[in-house]
Protein backbone atom coordinates (compact mmCIF):
# COMPACT_ATOMS: atom_id res chain seq x y z
CA MET A 1 70.16 10.33 -35.47
CA LYS A 2 72.50 8.32 -33.94
CA SER A 3 74.40 11.37 -33.11
CA THR A 4 71.37 12.77 -31.73
CA PHE A 5 70.67 10.43 -29.62
CA VAL A 6 74.37 10.03 -28.08
CA CYS A 7 74.14 13.26 -27.16
CA LEU A 8 70.91 13.42 -25.54
CA VAL A 9 71.76 10.27 -23.63
CA ALA A 10 75.13 12.48 -22.64
CA VAL A 11 73.03 15.43 -21.44
CA LEU A 12 70.90 13.37 -19.31
CA LEU A 13 73.20 10.95 -17.84
CA VAL A 14 76.18 13.13 -16.82
CA PRO A 15 74.57 14.90 -14.18
CA SER A 16 72.92 12.31 -12.76
CA VAL A 17 76.41 10.02 -12.33
CA PHE A 18 78.20 13.47 -11.00
CA GLY A 19 75.27 14.13 -8.29
CA CYS A 20 74.94 10.52 -7.06
CA GLY A 21 75.19 9.85 -3.67
CA THR A 22 76.39 13.51 -2.47
CA LYS A 23 74.61 15.12 -0.19
CA GLU A 24 74.36 19.07 0.43
CA LEU A 25 74.59 20.11 3.81
CA ALA A 26 72.31 22.92 4.60
CA THR A 27 74.30 25.01 7.18
CA PRO A 28 77.39 27.01 5.32
CA SER A 29 80.55 26.98 7.20
CA GLY A 30 81.37 28.41 10.13
CA PRO A 31 84.30 31.17 10.93
CA PRO A 32 87.52 29.68 11.27
CA LEU A 33 88.64 29.45 14.73
CA ALA A 34 92.50 29.90 15.97
CA ALA A 35 93.76 26.91 17.93
CA ASN A 36 93.10 28.93 21.44
CA GLN A 37 89.02 29.45 20.53
CA VAL A 38 86.94 27.23 21.93
CA LEU A 39 83.17 26.33 20.31
CA ALA A 40 80.92 24.45 22.65
CA GLY A 41 76.95 23.84 22.10
CA ASN A 42 74.59 21.68 20.68
CA ALA A 43 74.86 20.11 16.93
CA THR A 44 74.17 17.58 14.94
CA VAL A 45 76.48 15.23 13.19
CA ARG A 46 76.00 14.84 9.38
CA TYR A 47 77.59 12.53 6.91
CA VAL A 48 78.68 13.95 3.85
CA ASP A 49 79.57 11.40 0.63
CA LEU A 50 82.72 13.22 -0.39
CA GLU A 51 86.02 11.84 -0.80
CA GLY A 52 85.19 8.55 0.48
CA GLY A 53 82.87 9.94 3.13
CA CYS A 54 83.06 13.03 5.59
CA TRP A 55 81.37 13.88 9.14
CA ALA A 56 80.25 17.30 9.89
CA LEU A 57 79.07 19.25 13.17
CA GLU A 58 76.03 21.47 12.38
CA THR A 59 76.16 24.32 14.58
CA SER A 60 74.22 27.80 15.51
CA VAL A 61 77.17 29.14 14.01
CA GLY A 62 77.84 27.21 11.18
CA ARG A 63 79.24 23.99 9.81
CA TYR A 64 82.78 22.57 11.14
CA GLU A 65 84.64 19.24 10.05
CA PRO A 66 85.72 17.42 13.43
CA ILE A 67 88.87 15.69 13.49
CA GLY A 68 88.93 11.98 14.63
CA LEU A 69 85.18 11.74 15.49
CA PRO A 70 84.78 8.78 17.22
CA GLN A 71 83.21 5.70 15.56
CA GLU A 72 79.96 5.65 18.20
CA PHE A 73 78.81 9.28 16.95
CA ARG A 74 79.44 8.64 13.40
CA LYS A 75 75.39 9.00 12.73
CA ASP A 76 73.89 10.85 10.49
CA GLY A 77 71.60 13.15 12.14
CA LEU A 78 72.71 12.15 15.39
CA ALA A 79 72.20 15.26 18.23
CA VAL A 80 75.13 16.04 20.17
CA TYR A 81 76.58 18.41 22.46
CA ALA A 82 79.88 19.18 21.71
CA VAL A 83 83.02 21.09 23.11
CA ALA A 84 86.04 21.82 20.41
CA HIS A 85 88.71 24.26 19.70
CA GLY A 86 89.85 25.11 16.35
CA ALA A 87 92.89 23.03 14.64
CA PRO A 88 93.84 26.05 11.91
CA ASN A 89 96.96 23.74 11.09
CA ALA A 90 95.43 20.46 10.27
CA VAL A 91 94.62 19.27 6.99
CA SER A 92 91.58 17.17 5.79
CA VAL A 93 90.97 15.23 2.73
CA CYS A 94 87.43 16.95 2.87
CA GLN A 95 88.32 20.31 3.08
CA MET A 96 84.46 21.24 3.39
CA ALA A 97 84.58 23.52 6.36
CA PRO A 98 87.18 24.62 9.27
CA LEU A 99 88.65 21.77 11.28
CA VAL A 100 88.16 21.50 14.96
CA THR A 101 89.76 19.02 17.39
CA LEU A 102 86.70 17.73 19.63
CA ASP A 103 87.75 17.97 23.62
CA THR A 104 84.32 16.60 24.25
CA ILE A 105 81.41 15.34 22.70
CA ARG A 106 77.98 13.53 24.08
CA ALA A 107 74.64 12.62 22.66
CA ARG A 108 71.77 14.37 23.66
């Protein structure tokens, strides 16, 4: 009886512990950009609770991870207009989407 209870608790708790605080992004990753390729357009800033917290830009062509997103734009759901270029040699703890370097960003 005791081992059955322990197994039942483990089955019920393990998925909730590992799924706690995560947020799936609806937009799949966009195609990787070369350093000389520019991405410009409307996007939505998204926070993902991964590796201590990561930021993404959801665009019409997919999701991108901006390097050094300014603090004032770190608001989940914020509508922005961004111009960025590929950062193929950059690295990130999150590794959830192709990395981009922001040239300009503004709220819309």
